[in-house]
Amino acid sequence: MAETSTHMQALDRLIEGLEQSLEDQEWDRLTELNSRVRVTVEPVMAQLEAGELEAEPVRERLARLQTFCDAASAGASEARDEARQALKGVNRNRTAARAYQNVSTNRTK
């Protein structure tokens, strides 16, 4: 069995790229790399099923990929919550600005 196939190396590079993009908060790069997960994992799984790869190294990489997915999901939820809070602040400021505008408009009459 091949210890490290070119497909496994591609999977390693993808996982490293995903992890680095998440750490650096490079969302466009993260999206681009995420779109390549399936096409990168499928040949590895085909080699595993054909008996060309040992199961344990593949399992380790898939576990690492799952850990990344969990971290990315948590990061996305956190970013969504931060955006929600920022929008609430914007809405409060907009409401305050309207109230001030209404008060100042009514004073000049």
N, C-alpha and C. Protein backbone atom coordinates (compact mmCIF):
# COMPACT_ATOMS: atom_id res chain seq x y z
N MET A 1 0.84 -1.19 0.00
CA MET A 1 0.00 0.00 0.00
C MET A 1 0.87 1.25 0.00
N ALA A 2 0.43 2.25 -0.71
CA ALA A 2 1.16 3.52 -0.73
C ALA A 2 0.92 4.25 0.59
N GLU A 3 2.01 4.67 1.22
CA GLU A 3 1.87 5.36 2.51
C GLU A 3 1.23 6.74 2.32
N THR A 4 1.76 7.51 1.39
CA THR A 4 1.21 8.83 1.14
C THR A 4 1.04 9.02 -0.36
N SER A 5 -0.18 8.96 -0.82
CA SER A 5 -0.46 9.14 -2.24
C SER A 5 -0.52 10.63 -2.57
N THR A 6 -0.53 10.91 -3.85
CA THR A 6 -0.66 12.32 -4.25
C THR A 6 -2.03 12.86 -3.82
N HIS A 7 -3.04 11.99 -3.78
CA HIS A 7 -4.36 12.42 -3.33
C HIS A 7 -4.35 12.75 -1.83
N MET A 8 -3.62 11.96 -1.06
CA MET A 8 -3.49 12.23 0.38
C MET A 8 -2.73 13.54 0.59
N GLN A 9 -1.70 13.75 -0.20
CA GLN A 9 -0.94 15.00 -0.10
C GLN A 9 -1.83 16.19 -0.44
N ALA A 10 -2.67 16.04 -1.45
CA ALA A 10 -3.60 17.11 -1.81
C ALA A 10 -4.58 17.37 -0.67
N LEU A 11 -5.03 16.31 -0.02
CA LEU A 11 -5.93 16.46 1.12
C LEU A 11 -5.23 17.17 2.27
N ASP A 12 -3.99 16.81 2.53
CA ASP A 12 -3.21 17.49 3.57
C ASP A 12 -3.07 18.98 3.28
N ARG A 13 -2.75 19.31 2.03
CA ARG A 13 -2.60 20.73 1.66
C ARG A 13 -3.93 21.47 1.81
N LEU A 14 -5.01 20.83 1.42
CA LEU A 14 -6.33 21.45 1.53
C LEU A 14 -6.67 21.72 2.99
N ILE A 15 -6.47 20.73 3.84
CA ILE A 15 -6.79 20.90 5.26
C ILE A 15 -5.95 22.01 5.86
N GLU A 16 -4.66 22.04 5.55
CA GLU A 16 -3.78 23.10 6.05
C GLU A 16 -4.25 24.47 5.56
N GLY A 17 -4.62 24.54 4.30
CA GLY A 17 -5.12 25.80 3.74
C GLY A 17 -6.41 26.25 4.40
N LEU A 18 -7.32 25.32 4.64
CA LEU A 18 -8.58 25.65 5.31
C LEU A 18 -8.31 26.17 6.72
N GLU A 19 -7.46 25.46 7.45
CA GLU A 19 -7.16 25.87 8.83
C GLU A 19 -6.51 27.25 8.85
N GLN A 20 -5.57 27.49 7.95
CA GLN A 20 -4.88 28.79 7.91
C GLN A 20 -5.84 29.90 7.51
N SER A 21 -6.71 29.63 6.56
CA SER A 21 -7.68 30.65 6.12
C SER A 21 -8.63 31.01 7.25
N LEU A 22 -9.05 30.01 8.02
CA LEU A 22 -9.92 30.28 9.16
C LEU A 22 -9.18 31.11 10.21
N GLU A 23 -7.95 30.71 10.50
CA GLU A 23 -7.16 31.44 11.49
C GLU A 23 -6.95 32.89 11.07
N ASP A 24 -6.67 33.10 9.77
CA ASP A 24 -6.41 34.45 9.24
C ASP A 24 -7.69 35.20 8.90
N GLN A 25 -8.82 34.54 9.04
CA GLN A 25 -10.13 35.09 8.70
C GLN A 25 -10.16 35.60 7.25
N GLU A 26 -9.60 34.78 6.36
CA GLU A 26 -9.63 35.06 4.92
C GLU A 26 -10.85 34.35 4.35
N TRP A 27 -11.99 35.01 4.41
CA TRP A 27 -13.27 34.36 4.11
C TRP A 27 -13.40 33.96 2.65
N ASP A 28 -12.88 34.78 1.73
CA ASP A 28 -12.97 34.43 0.31
C ASP A 28 -12.14 33.18 0.01
N ARG A 29 -10.94 33.13 0.55
CA ARG A 29 -10.08 31.96 0.36
C ARG A 29 -10.70 30.73 1.02
N LEU A 30 -11.28 30.91 2.18
CA LEU A 30 -11.93 29.81 2.88
C LEU A 30 -13.07 29.25 2.05
N THR A 31 -13.86 30.11 1.45
CA THR A 31 -14.97 29.68 0.60
C THR A 31 -14.46 28.91 -0.61
N GLU A 32 -13.40 29.43 -1.22
CA GLU A 32 -12.84 28.77 -2.40
C GLU A 32 -12.30 27.39 -2.04
N LEU A 33 -11.57 27.29 -0.94
CA LEU A 33 -11.02 25.99 -0.52
C LEU A 33 -12.13 25.03 -0.11
N ASN A 34 -13.14 25.54 0.56
CA ASN A 34 -14.25 24.71 1.00
C ASN A 34 -14.95 24.06 -0.19
N SER A 35 -15.01 24.78 -1.29
CA SER A 35 -15.67 24.22 -2.48
C SER A 35 -14.87 23.06 -3.09
N ARG A 36 -13.62 22.88 -2.66
CA ARG A 36 -12.79 21.80 -3.20
C ARG A 36 -12.73 20.57 -2.29
N VAL A 37 -13.43 20.59 -1.18
CA VAL A 37 -13.36 19.47 -0.24
C VAL A 37 -13.81 18.17 -0.89
N ARG A 38 -14.98 18.17 -1.47
CA ARG A 38 -15.53 16.93 -2.03
C ARG A 38 -14.63 16.36 -3.11
N VAL A 39 -14.19 17.19 -4.04
CA VAL A 39 -13.36 16.68 -5.14
C VAL A 39 -11.99 16.24 -4.67
N THR A 40 -11.57 16.70 -3.50
CA THR A 40 -10.29 16.28 -2.94
C THR A 40 -10.44 14.98 -2.13
N VAL A 41 -11.55 14.84 -1.43
CA VAL A 41 -11.76 13.67 -0.58
C VAL A 41 -12.15 12.45 -1.41
N GLU A 42 -12.92 12.62 -2.47
CA GLU A 42 -13.41 11.47 -3.25
C GLU A 42 -12.30 10.55 -3.77
N PRO A 43 -11.21 11.07 -4.34
CA PRO A 43 -10.17 10.15 -4.81
C PRO A 43 -9.47 9.42 -3.66
N VAL A 44 -9.37 10.06 -2.52
CA VAL A 44 -8.78 9.40 -1.35
C VAL A 44 -9.67 8.24 -0.92
N MET A 45 -10.96 8.47 -0.89
CA MET A 45 -11.89 7.41 -0.51
C MET A 45 -11.88 6.27 -1.52
N ALA A 46 -11.74 6.60 -2.80
CA ALA A 46 -11.66 5.57 -3.83
C ALA A 46 -10.41 4.71 -3.63
N GLN A 47 -9.29 5.36 -3.32
CA GLN A 47 -8.06 4.60 -3.07
C GLN A 47 -8.21 3.74 -1.82
N LEU A 48 -8.87 4.25 -0.81
CA LEU A 48 -9.08 3.48 0.42
C LEU A 48 -9.92 2.24 0.12
N GLU A 49 -11.01 2.44 -0.61
CA GLU A 49 -11.89 1.32 -0.95
C GLU A 49 -11.19 0.28 -1.83
N ALA A 50 -10.25 0.74 -2.65
CA ALA A 50 -9.51 -0.17 -3.52
C ALA A 50 -8.37 -0.86 -2.77
N GLY A 51 -8.19 -0.52 -1.50
CA GLY A 51 -7.13 -1.14 -0.71
C GLY A 51 -5.76 -0.56 -0.98
N GLU A 52 -5.71 0.60 -1.61
CA GLU A 52 -4.44 1.23 -1.94
C GLU A 52 -3.89 2.10 -0.80
N LEU A 53 -4.74 2.38 0.18
CA LEU A 53 -4.33 3.19 1.33
C LEU A 53 -4.72 2.48 2.61
N GLU A 54 -3.96 2.73 3.65
CA GLU A 54 -4.31 2.21 4.97
C GLU A 54 -5.41 3.07 5.56
N ALA A 55 -6.28 2.47 6.32
CA ALA A 55 -7.45 3.18 6.85
C ALA A 55 -7.09 4.23 7.89
N GLU A 56 -6.13 3.94 8.76
CA GLU A 56 -5.84 4.85 9.87
C GLU A 56 -5.38 6.24 9.43
N PRO A 57 -4.44 6.36 8.48
CA PRO A 57 -4.06 7.71 8.04
C PRO A 57 -5.23 8.48 7.41
N VAL A 58 -6.09 7.77 6.70
CA VAL A 58 -7.26 8.43 6.10
C VAL A 58 -8.21 8.88 7.21
N ARG A 59 -8.44 8.01 8.19
CA ARG A 59 -9.31 8.36 9.31
C ARG A 59 -8.78 9.59 10.05
N GLU A 60 -7.47 9.66 10.26
CA GLU A 60 -6.87 10.80 10.96
C GLU A 60 -7.11 12.10 10.20
N ARG A 61 -6.97 12.05 8.90
CA ARG A 61 -7.17 13.25 8.10
C ARG A 61 -8.64 13.66 8.07
N LEU A 62 -9.52 12.68 7.97
CA LEU A 62 -10.95 13.00 7.98
C LEU A 62 -11.37 13.55 9.34
N ALA A 63 -10.77 13.04 10.41
CA ALA A 63 -11.06 13.58 11.75
C ALA A 63 -10.57 15.02 11.85
N ARG A 64 -9.41 15.29 11.28
CA ARG A 64 -8.88 16.66 11.28
C ARG A 64 -9.79 17.58 10.46
N LEU A 65 -10.27 17.08 9.35
CA LEU A 65 -11.20 17.85 8.52
C LEU A 65 -12.49 18.12 9.28
N GLN A 66 -12.99 17.12 10.01
CA GLN A 66 -14.20 17.30 10.81
C GLN A 66 -13.98 18.32 11.91
N THR A 67 -12.82 18.28 12.54
CA THR A 67 -12.49 19.26 13.58
C THR A 67 -12.49 20.67 12.98
N PHE A 68 -11.91 20.80 11.78
CA PHE A 68 -11.94 22.09 11.11
C PHE A 68 -13.38 22.54 10.86
N CYS A 69 -14.21 21.63 10.35
CA CYS A 69 -15.61 21.97 10.05
C CYS A 69 -16.34 22.45 11.31
N ASP A 70 -16.10 21.78 12.42
CA ASP A 70 -16.71 22.18 13.68
C ASP A 70 -16.24 23.57 14.10
N ALA A 71 -14.94 23.82 13.97
CA ALA A 71 -14.39 25.14 14.32
C ALA A 71 -14.92 26.22 13.40
N ALA A 72 -15.01 25.91 12.12
CA ALA A 72 -15.53 26.89 11.15
C ALA A 72 -16.99 27.22 11.43
N SER A 73 -17.75 26.20 11.78
CA SER A 73 -19.16 26.41 12.11
C SER A 73 -19.30 27.29 13.34
N ALA A 74 -18.49 27.02 14.35
CA ALA A 74 -18.53 27.83 15.56
C ALA A 74 -18.11 29.26 15.25
N GLY A 75 -17.08 29.41 14.42
CA GLY A 75 -16.63 30.75 14.02
C GLY A 75 -17.69 31.50 13.24
N ALA A 76 -18.39 30.79 12.37
CA ALA A 76 -19.46 31.42 11.59
C ALA A 76 -20.60 31.86 12.50
N SER A 77 -20.93 31.03 13.47
CA SER A 77 -22.00 31.40 14.41
C SER A 77 -21.60 32.63 15.21
N GLU A 78 -20.35 32.66 15.64
CA GLU A 78 -19.86 33.81 16.40
C GLU A 78 -19.89 35.08 15.55
N ALA A 79 -19.43 34.97 14.30
CA ALA A 79 -19.44 36.12 13.40
C ALA A 79 -20.87 36.59 13.14
N ARG A 80 -21.80 35.64 12.98
CA ARG A 80 -23.20 35.99 12.77
C ARG A 80 -23.76 36.72 13.99
N ASP A 81 -23.43 36.24 15.18
CA ASP A 81 -23.90 36.90 16.40
C ASP A 81 -23.32 38.31 16.53
N GLU A 82 -22.03 38.46 16.20
CA GLU A 82 -21.41 39.78 16.24
C GLU A 82 -22.07 40.72 15.24
N ALA A 83 -22.38 40.21 14.05
CA ALA A 83 -23.04 41.03 13.03
C ALA A 83 -24.44 41.42 13.49
N ARG A 84 -25.14 40.49 14.13
CA ARG A 84 -26.48 40.77 14.65
C ARG A 84 -26.42 41.90 15.69
N GLN A 85 -25.44 41.82 16.58
CA GLN A 85 -25.29 42.85 17.61
C GLN A 85 -24.94 44.20 16.98
N ALA A 86 -24.09 44.18 15.96
CA ALA A 86 -23.73 45.42 15.28
C ALA A 86 -24.95 46.02 14.59
N LEU A 87 -25.77 45.17 13.98
CA LEU A 87 -26.98 45.68 13.33
C LEU A 87 -27.96 46.26 14.34
N LYS A 88 -28.05 45.64 15.51
CA LYS A 88 -28.92 46.20 16.55
C LYS A 88 -28.44 47.59 16.94
N GLY A 89 -27.11 47.74 17.03
CA GLY A 89 -26.55 49.06 17.35
C GLY A 89 -26.85 50.08 16.27
N VAL A 90 -26.74 49.66 15.03
CA VAL A 90 -27.05 50.55 13.90
C VAL A 90 -28.53 50.96 13.95
N ASN A 91 -29.39 49.99 14.22
CA ASN A 91 -30.83 50.29 14.28
C ASN A 91 -31.14 51.24 15.43
N ARG A 92 -30.48 51.05 16.58
CA ARG A 92 -30.69 51.97 17.72
C ARG A 92 -30.23 53.37 17.34
N ASN A 93 -29.09 53.46 16.67
CA ASN A 93 -28.59 54.78 16.25
C ASN A 93 -29.52 55.42 15.24
N ARG A 94 -30.05 54.62 14.33
CA ARG A 94 -30.98 55.15 13.33
C ARG A 94 -32.24 55.68 14.01
N THR A 95 -32.74 54.89 14.97
CA THR A 95 -33.94 55.32 15.70
C THR A 95 -33.66 56.60 16.47
N ALA A 96 -32.51 56.68 17.11
CA ALA A 96 -32.15 57.89 17.86
C ALA A 96 -32.01 59.08 16.92
N ALA A 97 -31.40 58.84 15.76
CA ALA A 97 -31.24 59.93 14.79
C ALA A 97 -32.59 60.42 14.29
N ARG A 98 -33.52 59.50 14.05
CA ARG A 98 -34.87 59.91 13.61
C ARG A 98 -35.57 60.70 14.71
N ALA A 99 -35.44 60.22 15.93
CA ALA A 99 -36.08 60.92 17.05
C ALA A 99 -35.50 62.32 17.18
N TYR A 100 -34.20 62.45 17.08
CA TYR A 100 -33.57 63.75 17.16
C TYR A 100 -34.03 64.64 16.01
N GLN A 101 -34.11 64.05 14.81
CA GLN A 101 -34.56 64.81 13.65
C GLN A 101 -35.99 65.28 13.86
N ASN A 102 -36.85 64.42 14.37
CA ASN A 102 -38.24 64.79 14.62
C ASN A 102 -38.34 65.89 15.66
N VAL A 103 -37.56 65.80 16.72
CA VAL A 103 -37.58 66.83 17.76
C VAL A 103 -37.08 68.14 17.22
N SER A 104 -35.96 68.11 16.48
CA SER A 104 -35.40 69.35 15.97
C SER A 104 -36.28 69.94 14.89
N THR A 105 -36.98 69.14 14.11
CA THR A 105 -37.89 69.65 13.09
C THR A 105 -39.10 70.29 13.75
N ASN A 106 -39.62 69.67 14.80
CA ASN A 106 -40.77 70.23 15.49
C ASN A 106 -40.44 71.49 16.25
N ARG A 107 -39.22 71.69 16.68
CA ARG A 107 -38.82 72.91 17.40
C ARG A 107 -38.81 74.11 16.50
N THR A 108 -38.47 73.94 15.23
CA THR A 108 -38.35 75.08 14.33
C THR A 108 -39.69 75.57 13.86
N LYS A 109 -40.75 74.87 14.16
CA LYS A 109 -42.08 75.28 13.69
C LYS A 109 -42.65 76.36 14.54
